[in-house]
Amino acid sequence: MITTAVVESATAGRTRSGLGRALDIVNIIAERAPETLGVSTIARELGLPKAVAHRILKELVADSFLTFNEETKRYRLGSGALAVGLAALRALDVPDIARRYLVRLVRDTGETATLSVRQGWTRVYIDQVLSPHEVRMSVSLGTSHALHSGSSSKAILAALPDAEVEDYLDHHPLDAVTSATITSTAKLRSELGRVRRLGYAVSMGERQNGAGSVAAPVRYATGQVFGSISLCGPQNRFTPEVCAAHGALVAAAAAEISAELGFRPPAQRAAGRTGQKQNWGGGTGE
């Protein structure tokens, strides 16, 4: 079994239990999946003596948390880690987790906060916390909306992989919901690029006349998009300055919800992707 003896961390300059080191190893292998890692890489990146890393790896393999490929001499997650992960997923209640963040957003901004879930090539409102203002926006829960109209939709679309975005653009007409709906493929690509750069989407009457909104995507641990959260209200209250401030709050809340769902932004992969060329921009949401 995994030892809990206290050892000295070579990199952090503080004590770190054997269990803590074992979790560090599991986490780094999980973060780098599907890449597999050898003991030398693991020891170097965690600042561990190679002998210590090897001993912990052997214990994790014995407990089925990791598997070891004799040919490549590399490690990956095993059935034990999968069982724990699946149990954690079964225990997740996304609306329940998101609810307190919606409440916080309403408290901090005074506008209505919503939660949407992606369903194929549409998204559906599943929860909202209403603004305390007498003049406010509300949404109809259970209604579905296309992924190109409104900030909640655009936030989801922009968060999808490029291939899925292109699939949507190739096979789904960009029908006008209002006179402000983006119906040009080129303009929508540019808008999605802006959403990706900002981290949130903005809509000024694109789905509902007179409504302003900002939204950001919520992700599962795998990185797959669950849906989005938004703030919405009368368009005249959503000035550019307000959109920027509310957008930052929504993006931060969406990141916190995603973190509770187990999502960790893959910094190493993101750094590797920065040099890749894209043939179009990012995405926005309502």
Protein backbone atom coordinates (compact mmCIF):
# COMPACT_ATOMS: atom_id res chain seq x y z
CA MET A 1 0.00 0.00 0.00
CA ILE A 2 1.04 3.63 -0.40
CA THR A 3 3.34 4.76 2.40
CA THR A 4 2.45 7.82 4.49
CA ALA A 5 5.96 8.35 5.85
CA VAL A 6 6.92 12.03 5.96
CA VAL A 7 9.72 12.98 3.56
CA GLU A 8 11.42 16.22 2.57
CA SER A 9 10.31 17.79 -0.71
CA ALA A 10 13.32 18.49 -2.89
CA THR A 11 11.60 21.23 -4.85
CA ALA A 12 9.25 22.90 -2.42
CA GLY A 13 11.59 22.98 0.56
CA ARG A 14 8.84 21.69 2.81
CA THR A 15 7.71 18.37 4.20
CA ARG A 16 5.57 16.28 1.87
CA SER A 17 4.04 12.96 2.87
CA GLY A 18 4.55 9.82 0.85
CA LEU A 19 0.85 9.88 0.07
CA GLY A 20 1.17 13.46 -1.11
CA ARG A 21 4.02 12.50 -3.42
CA ALA A 22 2.04 9.57 -4.73
CA LEU A 23 -0.85 11.90 -5.55
CA ASP A 24 1.59 14.26 -7.28
CA ILE A 25 2.67 11.38 -9.49
CA VAL A 26 -0.90 10.32 -10.26
CA ASN A 27 -1.80 13.93 -11.07
CA ILE A 28 1.10 14.52 -13.44
CA ILE A 29 0.36 11.31 -15.32
CA ALA A 30 -3.33 12.26 -15.50
CA GLU A 31 -2.53 15.77 -16.72
CA ARG A 32 -0.24 14.48 -19.47
CA ALA A 33 -2.55 11.69 -20.69
CA PRO A 34 -2.70 10.15 -23.24
CA GLU A 35 1.07 10.68 -23.18
CA THR A 36 2.86 8.08 -21.08
CA LEU A 37 5.76 8.96 -18.80
CA GLY A 38 8.95 7.25 -17.69
CA VAL A 39 10.39 7.33 -14.20
CA SER A 40 13.17 9.76 -15.14
CA THR A 41 10.71 12.34 -16.50
CA ILE A 42 8.43 11.99 -13.48
CA ALA A 43 11.29 12.32 -11.02
CA ARG A 44 12.75 15.34 -12.82
CA GLU A 45 9.47 17.24 -13.18
CA LEU A 46 8.43 16.62 -9.57
CA GLY A 47 11.88 17.21 -8.13
CA LEU A 48 12.05 13.72 -6.63
CA PRO A 49 15.04 11.42 -6.28
CA LYS A 50 14.70 8.79 -8.99
CA ALA A 51 14.80 5.96 -6.44
CA VAL A 52 11.94 7.52 -4.47
CA ALA A 53 9.84 8.04 -7.62
CA HIS A 54 10.49 4.45 -8.70
CA ARG A 55 9.43 3.06 -5.31
CA ILE A 56 6.17 5.05 -5.32
CA LEU A 57 5.46 4.06 -8.93
CA LYS A 58 5.87 0.38 -8.05
CA GLU A 59 3.37 0.74 -5.20
CA LEU A 60 0.87 2.54 -7.47
CA VAL A 61 1.20 -0.23 -10.06
CA ALA A 62 0.68 -2.86 -7.36
CA ASP A 63 -2.52 -1.05 -6.32
CA SER A 64 -3.67 -0.83 -9.98
CA PHE A 65 -3.65 2.98 -9.93
CA LEU A 66 -1.05 2.84 -12.68
CA THR A 67 -0.02 0.34 -15.32
CA PHE A 68 3.55 -0.20 -16.54
CA ASN A 69 4.51 -1.06 -20.10
CA GLU A 70 7.52 -3.37 -19.97
CA GLU A 71 8.51 -2.57 -23.55
CA THR A 72 8.43 1.22 -23.37
CA LYS A 73 9.23 1.45 -19.64
CA ARG A 74 6.48 4.03 -19.27
CA TYR A 75 3.51 4.49 -16.98
CA ARG A 76 -0.14 5.41 -17.53
CA LEU A 77 -3.29 5.47 -15.41
CA GLY A 78 -4.72 2.10 -14.46
CA SER A 79 -8.05 0.57 -13.51
CA GLY A 80 -7.85 1.78 -9.93
CA ALA A 81 -7.63 5.40 -11.03
CA LEU A 82 -10.49 4.81 -13.47
CA ALA A 83 -12.72 3.38 -10.73
CA VAL A 84 -12.08 6.40 -8.50
CA GLY A 85 -12.67 8.79 -11.39
CA LEU A 86 -15.94 7.17 -12.39
CA ALA A 87 -17.15 7.22 -8.78
CA ALA A 88 -16.35 10.93 -8.59
CA LEU A 89 -18.21 11.59 -11.85
CA ARG A 90 -21.29 9.74 -10.57
CA ALA A 91 -21.28 11.95 -7.49
CA LEU A 92 -21.19 15.20 -9.49
CA ASP A 93 -24.35 17.26 -9.71
CA VAL A 94 -23.44 20.08 -12.08
CA PRO A 95 -26.54 22.25 -11.48
CA ASP A 96 -26.05 21.90 -7.72
CA ILE A 97 -22.38 22.87 -8.01
CA ALA A 98 -23.13 25.77 -10.33
CA ARG A 99 -26.04 27.13 -8.31
CA ARG A 100 -23.98 28.87 -5.65
CA TYR A 101 -21.88 30.55 -8.34
CA LEU A 102 -25.03 31.81 -10.04
CA VAL A 103 -26.19 33.20 -6.69
CA ARG A 104 -22.82 34.91 -6.23
CA LEU A 105 -22.93 36.44 -9.70
CA VAL A 106 -26.39 37.89 -9.07
CA ARG A 107 -25.26 39.25 -5.71
CA ASP A 108 -22.18 40.88 -7.26
CA THR A 109 -23.82 42.29 -10.40
CA GLY A 110 -27.56 42.58 -9.80
CA GLU A 111 -28.29 40.82 -13.11
CA THR A 112 -29.91 37.46 -13.85
CA ALA A 113 -27.53 34.48 -13.99
CA THR A 114 -28.26 31.34 -16.04
CA LEU A 115 -26.90 27.85 -16.59
CA SER A 116 -27.17 26.08 -19.95
CA VAL A 117 -26.24 22.54 -20.95
CA ARG A 118 -25.07 21.51 -24.40
CA GLN A 119 -27.33 18.99 -26.12
CA GLY A 120 -25.83 18.01 -29.45
CA TRP A 121 -25.88 21.05 -31.71
CA THR A 122 -28.18 23.02 -29.40
CA ARG A 123 -28.09 24.16 -25.81
CA VAL A 124 -30.84 24.21 -23.18
CA TYR A 125 -31.43 26.52 -20.20
CA ILE A 126 -31.57 24.38 -17.06
CA ASP A 127 -31.31 26.88 -14.20
CA GLN A 128 -31.41 30.60 -13.45
CA VAL A 129 -31.20 32.96 -10.51
CA LEU A 130 -33.23 36.08 -11.14
CA SER A 131 -32.05 39.65 -10.79
CA PRO A 132 -33.48 41.61 -7.83
CA HIS A 133 -34.21 44.56 -10.16
CA GLU A 134 -37.81 45.32 -11.01
CA VAL A 135 -36.76 45.57 -14.67
CA ARG A 136 -34.84 42.38 -15.40
CA MET A 137 -34.36 39.52 -17.85
CA SER A 138 -35.58 35.97 -17.33
CA VAL A 139 -35.29 32.86 -19.49
CA SER A 140 -37.59 29.92 -20.14
CA LEU A 141 -36.03 26.81 -18.62
CA GLY A 142 -36.06 23.73 -20.83
CA THR A 143 -36.02 25.68 -24.08
CA SER A 144 -33.36 24.83 -26.68
CA HIS A 145 -31.40 27.29 -28.77
CA ALA A 146 -28.99 27.09 -31.70
CA LEU A 147 -25.28 27.41 -30.99
CA HIS A 148 -24.73 30.54 -33.08
CA SER A 149 -27.21 32.93 -31.48
CA GLY A 150 -26.63 34.56 -28.09
CA SER A 151 -23.72 34.58 -25.70
CA SER A 152 -24.52 31.30 -23.91
CA SER A 153 -24.58 29.53 -27.26
CA LYS A 154 -21.49 31.20 -28.68
CA ALA A 155 -19.52 30.48 -25.49
CA ILE A 156 -20.22 26.77 -26.00
CA LEU A 157 -19.47 26.82 -29.72
CA ALA A 158 -16.19 28.70 -29.23
CA ALA A 159 -15.07 26.17 -26.60
CA LEU A 160 -15.48 23.21 -28.95
CA PRO A 161 -12.53 21.80 -30.94
CA ASP A 162 -11.98 23.41 -34.33
CA ALA A 163 -13.22 20.31 -36.18
CA GLU A 164 -16.56 20.42 -34.36
CA VAL A 165 -16.93 24.13 -35.01
CA GLU A 166 -16.33 23.55 -38.72
CA ASP A 167 -18.83 20.69 -38.67
CA TYR A 168 -21.43 23.04 -37.20
CA LEU A 169 -20.70 25.77 -39.72
CA ASP A 170 -20.81 23.31 -42.63
CA HIS A 171 -24.08 21.60 -41.73
CA HIS A 172 -26.22 24.09 -39.82
CA PRO A 173 -27.78 27.20 -41.33
CA LEU A 174 -27.10 30.39 -39.41
CA ASP A 175 -30.73 31.39 -39.20
CA ALA A 176 -31.57 34.87 -37.91
CA VAL A 177 -33.31 34.80 -34.53
CA THR A 178 -33.32 38.60 -34.35
CA SER A 179 -31.97 41.31 -36.63
CA ALA A 180 -28.73 41.25 -34.61
CA THR A 181 -28.07 37.50 -34.97
CA ILE A 182 -24.80 36.69 -36.73
CA THR A 183 -25.73 34.95 -39.99
CA SER A 184 -22.41 35.25 -41.84
CA THR A 185 -20.01 32.31 -41.51
CA ALA A 186 -16.99 34.58 -41.84
CA LYS A 187 -18.31 36.98 -39.22
CA LEU A 188 -19.15 34.13 -36.84
CA ARG A 189 -15.63 32.69 -37.20
CA SER A 190 -14.21 36.09 -36.33
CA GLU A 191 -16.57 36.40 -33.38
CA LEU A 192 -15.62 32.97 -32.08
CA GLY A 193 -11.98 34.01 -32.27
CA ARG A 194 -12.74 37.02 -30.14
CA VAL A 195 -14.54 34.87 -27.58
CA ARG A 196 -11.57 32.56 -27.29
CA ARG A 197 -9.23 35.50 -26.80
CA LEU A 198 -11.41 37.20 -24.18
CA GLY A 199 -12.54 34.05 -22.39
CA TYR A 200 -16.20 35.07 -22.55
CA ALA A 201 -18.88 35.84 -25.14
CA VAL A 202 -21.00 38.95 -25.52
CA SER A 203 -24.45 39.31 -27.09
CA MET A 204 -26.36 42.48 -27.76
CA GLY A 205 -29.84 41.39 -28.77
CA GLU A 206 -28.64 38.41 -30.86
CA ARG A 207 -31.11 35.93 -29.37
CA GLN A 208 -33.65 38.21 -27.70
CA ASN A 209 -34.39 41.77 -28.72
CA GLY A 210 -33.35 44.31 -26.07
CA ALA A 211 -31.27 41.82 -24.08
CA GLY A 212 -27.58 42.09 -23.29
CA SER A 213 -25.54 39.19 -21.96
CA VAL A 214 -22.09 37.73 -21.35
CA ALA A 215 -21.28 34.03 -20.98
CA ALA A 216 -18.40 31.59 -20.50
CA PRO A 217 -18.08 27.80 -20.99
CA VAL A 218 -18.17 25.15 -18.28
CA ARG A 219 -16.09 22.01 -18.82
CA TYR A 220 -15.98 18.48 -17.44
CA ALA A 221 -12.71 17.01 -16.11
CA THR A 222 -12.00 15.63 -19.59
CA GLY A 223 -12.17 19.09 -21.12
CA GLN A 224 -15.45 18.27 -22.84
CA VAL A 225 -17.89 21.17 -22.77
CA PHE A 226 -20.81 20.73 -20.36
CA GLY A 227 -22.46 24.03 -21.24
CA SER A 228 -22.16 27.65 -20.15
CA ILE A 229 -23.14 30.20 -17.54
CA SER A 230 -24.25 33.73 -18.31
CA LEU A 231 -25.32 37.08 -16.94
CA CYS A 232 -28.15 38.79 -18.77
CA GLY A 233 -30.21 41.96 -18.44
CA PRO A 234 -31.68 44.87 -20.34
CA GLN A 235 -29.35 45.84 -23.16
CA ASN A 236 -29.07 49.46 -22.01
CA ARG A 237 -27.39 48.28 -18.79
CA PHE A 238 -24.76 46.28 -20.72
CA THR A 239 -22.40 49.05 -21.79
CA PRO A 240 -18.95 48.02 -23.11
CA GLU A 241 -17.42 48.72 -19.70
CA VAL A 242 -20.08 46.67 -17.91
CA CYS A 243 -19.69 43.81 -20.41
CA ALA A 244 -15.95 43.71 -19.74
CA ALA A 245 -16.44 43.67 -15.96
CA HIS A 246 -19.30 41.16 -16.02
CA GLY A 247 -17.47 39.03 -18.58
CA ALA A 248 -14.45 38.73 -16.31
CA LEU A 249 -16.70 37.68 -13.41
CA VAL A 250 -18.52 35.09 -15.51
CA ALA A 251 -15.29 33.68 -16.91
CA ALA A 252 -13.84 33.36 -13.40
CA ALA A 253 -17.00 31.66 -12.09
CA ALA A 254 -17.09 29.26 -15.06
CA ALA A 255 -13.44 28.37 -14.39
CA GLU A 256 -14.23 27.68 -10.72
CA ILE A 257 -17.18 25.47 -11.61
CA SER A 258 -15.04 23.61 -14.14
CA ALA A 259 -12.35 23.13 -11.49
CA GLU A 260 -14.93 21.60 -9.14
CA LEU A 261 -15.85 19.24 -11.97
CA GLY A 262 -12.19 18.19 -12.13
CA PHE A 263 -11.05 20.23 -15.12
CA ARG A 264 -7.44 21.35 -15.06
CA PRO A 265 -6.27 23.59 -17.90
CA PRO A 266 -3.45 21.60 -19.54
CA ALA A 267 -0.74 24.25 -19.34
CA GLN A 268 1.84 22.21 -21.17
CA ARG A 269 -0.49 21.41 -24.07
CA ALA A 270 -1.75 24.98 -24.20
CA ALA A 271 1.82 26.22 -24.44
CA GLY A 272 2.44 23.80 -27.26
CA ARG A 273 -0.66 24.97 -29.11
CA THR A 274 0.26 28.65 -29.04
CA GLY A 275 2.57 28.21 -31.98
CA GLN A 276 -0.04 26.45 -34.12
CA LYS A 277 -1.74 28.38 -36.88
CA GLN A 278 -5.53 28.58 -36.99
CA ASN A 279 -7.44 29.47 -40.11
CA TRP A 280 -10.12 31.37 -38.16
CA GLY A 281 -10.67 33.20 -34.88
CA GLY A 282 -12.35 32.21 -31.58
CA GLY A 283 -15.87 32.35 -30.10
CA THR A 284 -18.38 34.26 -27.91
CA GLY A 285 -21.45 33.22 -25.91
CA GLU A 286 -24.74 34.53 -24.56
